[in-house]
């Protein structure tokens, strides 16, 4: 996770056009989301093995929130930011 945060910080520090930076930051944020999605999926599997049903429900709720955030980032990138970044970079 520290590496993912460092990667995001490097994007912020890079000399990029605004929309190109935004596109790169969305990509960095999605890497964090994917890490979190994988982590919650693993926690849910362990909770199932241990029979912790209340924890499963809470973890599944959080997992769905992480998936929704990832989807929102994808939609933002595909509908606006990536297109504007390509225009800016041209």
Protein backbone atom coordinates (compact mmCIF):
# COMPACT_ATOMS: atom_id res chain seq x y z
CA UNK A 1 0.00 0.00 0.00
CA UNK A 2 2.88 2.36 0.75
CA UNK A 3 4.14 1.83 -2.79
CA UNK A 4 0.75 2.73 -4.22
CA UNK A 5 0.63 5.91 -2.17
CA UNK A 6 4.15 6.80 -3.24
CA UNK A 7 3.17 6.25 -6.86
CA UNK A 8 0.27 8.68 -6.43
CA UNK A 9 2.58 11.23 -4.85
CA UNK A 10 4.97 10.91 -7.80
CA UNK A 11 2.10 11.67 -10.18
CA UNK A 12 1.29 14.80 -8.20
CA UNK A 13 4.91 15.94 -8.36
CA UNK A 14 5.35 15.18 -12.09
CA UNK A 15 5.25 18.07 -14.55
CA UNK A 16 2.05 17.05 -16.35
CA UNK A 17 -0.83 18.88 -17.96
CA UNK A 18 -3.77 19.15 -15.58
CA UNK A 19 -6.05 16.58 -17.24
CA UNK A 20 -3.16 14.18 -17.84
CA UNK A 21 -2.35 14.40 -14.13
CA UNK A 22 -6.02 13.83 -13.27
CA UNK A 23 -6.13 10.74 -15.48
CA UNK A 24 -2.97 9.39 -13.85
CA UNK A 25 -4.37 10.10 -10.37
CA UNK A 26 -7.56 8.22 -11.19
CA UNK A 27 -5.42 5.28 -12.27
CA UNK A 28 -3.46 5.45 -9.04
CA UNK A 29 -6.67 5.68 -7.01
CA UNK A 30 -8.07 2.65 -8.81
CA UNK A 31 -4.98 0.66 -7.92
CA UNK A 32 -5.69 1.44 -4.27
CA UNK A 33 -9.35 0.46 -4.73
CA UNK A 34 -8.33 -2.86 -6.32
CA UNK A 35 -5.98 -3.54 -3.42
CA UNK A 36 -8.81 -2.85 -0.98
CA UNK A 37 -11.26 -4.99 -2.96
CA UNK A 38 -8.84 -7.91 -2.84
CA UNK A 39 -8.27 -7.38 0.88
CA UNK A 40 -11.98 -7.32 1.73
CA UNK A 41 -12.57 -10.39 -0.42
CA UNK A 42 -9.91 -12.25 1.54
CA UNK A 43 -11.33 -11.09 4.87
CA UNK A 44 -14.80 -12.27 3.84
CA UNK A 45 -13.43 -15.70 2.94
CA UNK A 46 -11.72 -15.98 6.32
CA UNK A 47 -14.81 -14.77 8.17
CA UNK A 48 -16.86 -17.44 6.40
CA UNK A 49 -14.43 -20.14 7.48
CA UNK A 50 -14.67 -18.92 11.05
CA UNK A 51 -18.45 -18.53 11.01
CA UNK A 52 -18.41 -14.81 11.80
CA UNK A 53 -21.69 -13.97 10.07
CA UNK A 54 -22.05 -10.45 11.45
CA UNK A 55 -18.54 -9.59 10.27
CA UNK A 56 -19.32 -11.08 6.85
CA UNK A 57 -22.29 -8.74 6.40
CA UNK A 58 -20.26 -5.69 7.36
CA UNK A 59 -17.32 -6.69 5.18
CA UNK A 60 -19.59 -7.40 2.22
CA UNK A 61 -21.15 -3.96 2.61
CA UNK A 62 -17.72 -2.34 2.63
CA UNK A 63 -16.63 -4.46 -0.34
CA UNK A 64 -19.63 -3.23 -2.33
CA UNK A 65 -18.77 0.36 -1.43
CA UNK A 66 -15.20 -0.17 -2.69
CA UNK A 67 -16.50 -1.72 -5.92
CA UNK A 68 -18.86 1.22 -6.41
CA UNK A 69 -16.03 3.70 -5.89
CA UNK A 70 -13.96 1.84 -8.48
CA UNK A 71 -16.90 1.92 -10.91
CA UNK A 72 -17.40 5.64 -10.30
CA UNK A 73 -13.73 6.28 -11.03
CA UNK A 74 -13.96 4.23 -14.22
CA UNK A 75 -17.00 6.17 -15.39
CA UNK A 76 -15.33 9.49 -14.62
CA UNK A 77 -12.18 8.48 -16.45
CA UNK A 78 -13.94 7.07 -19.51
CA UNK A 79 -16.56 9.79 -19.88
CA UNK A 80 -14.42 12.86 -19.30
CA UNK A 81 -10.93 12.79 -17.90
CA UNK A 82 -9.21 10.38 -20.28
CA UNK A 83 -10.73 12.12 -23.31
CA UNK A 84 -9.69 15.56 -22.06
CA UNK A 85 -6.24 14.23 -21.14
CA UNK A 86 -5.75 12.89 -24.66
CA UNK A 87 -6.75 16.26 -26.11
CA UNK A 88 -4.40 18.06 -23.73
CA UNK A 89 -1.50 15.74 -24.55
CA UNK A 90 -1.92 16.09 -28.32
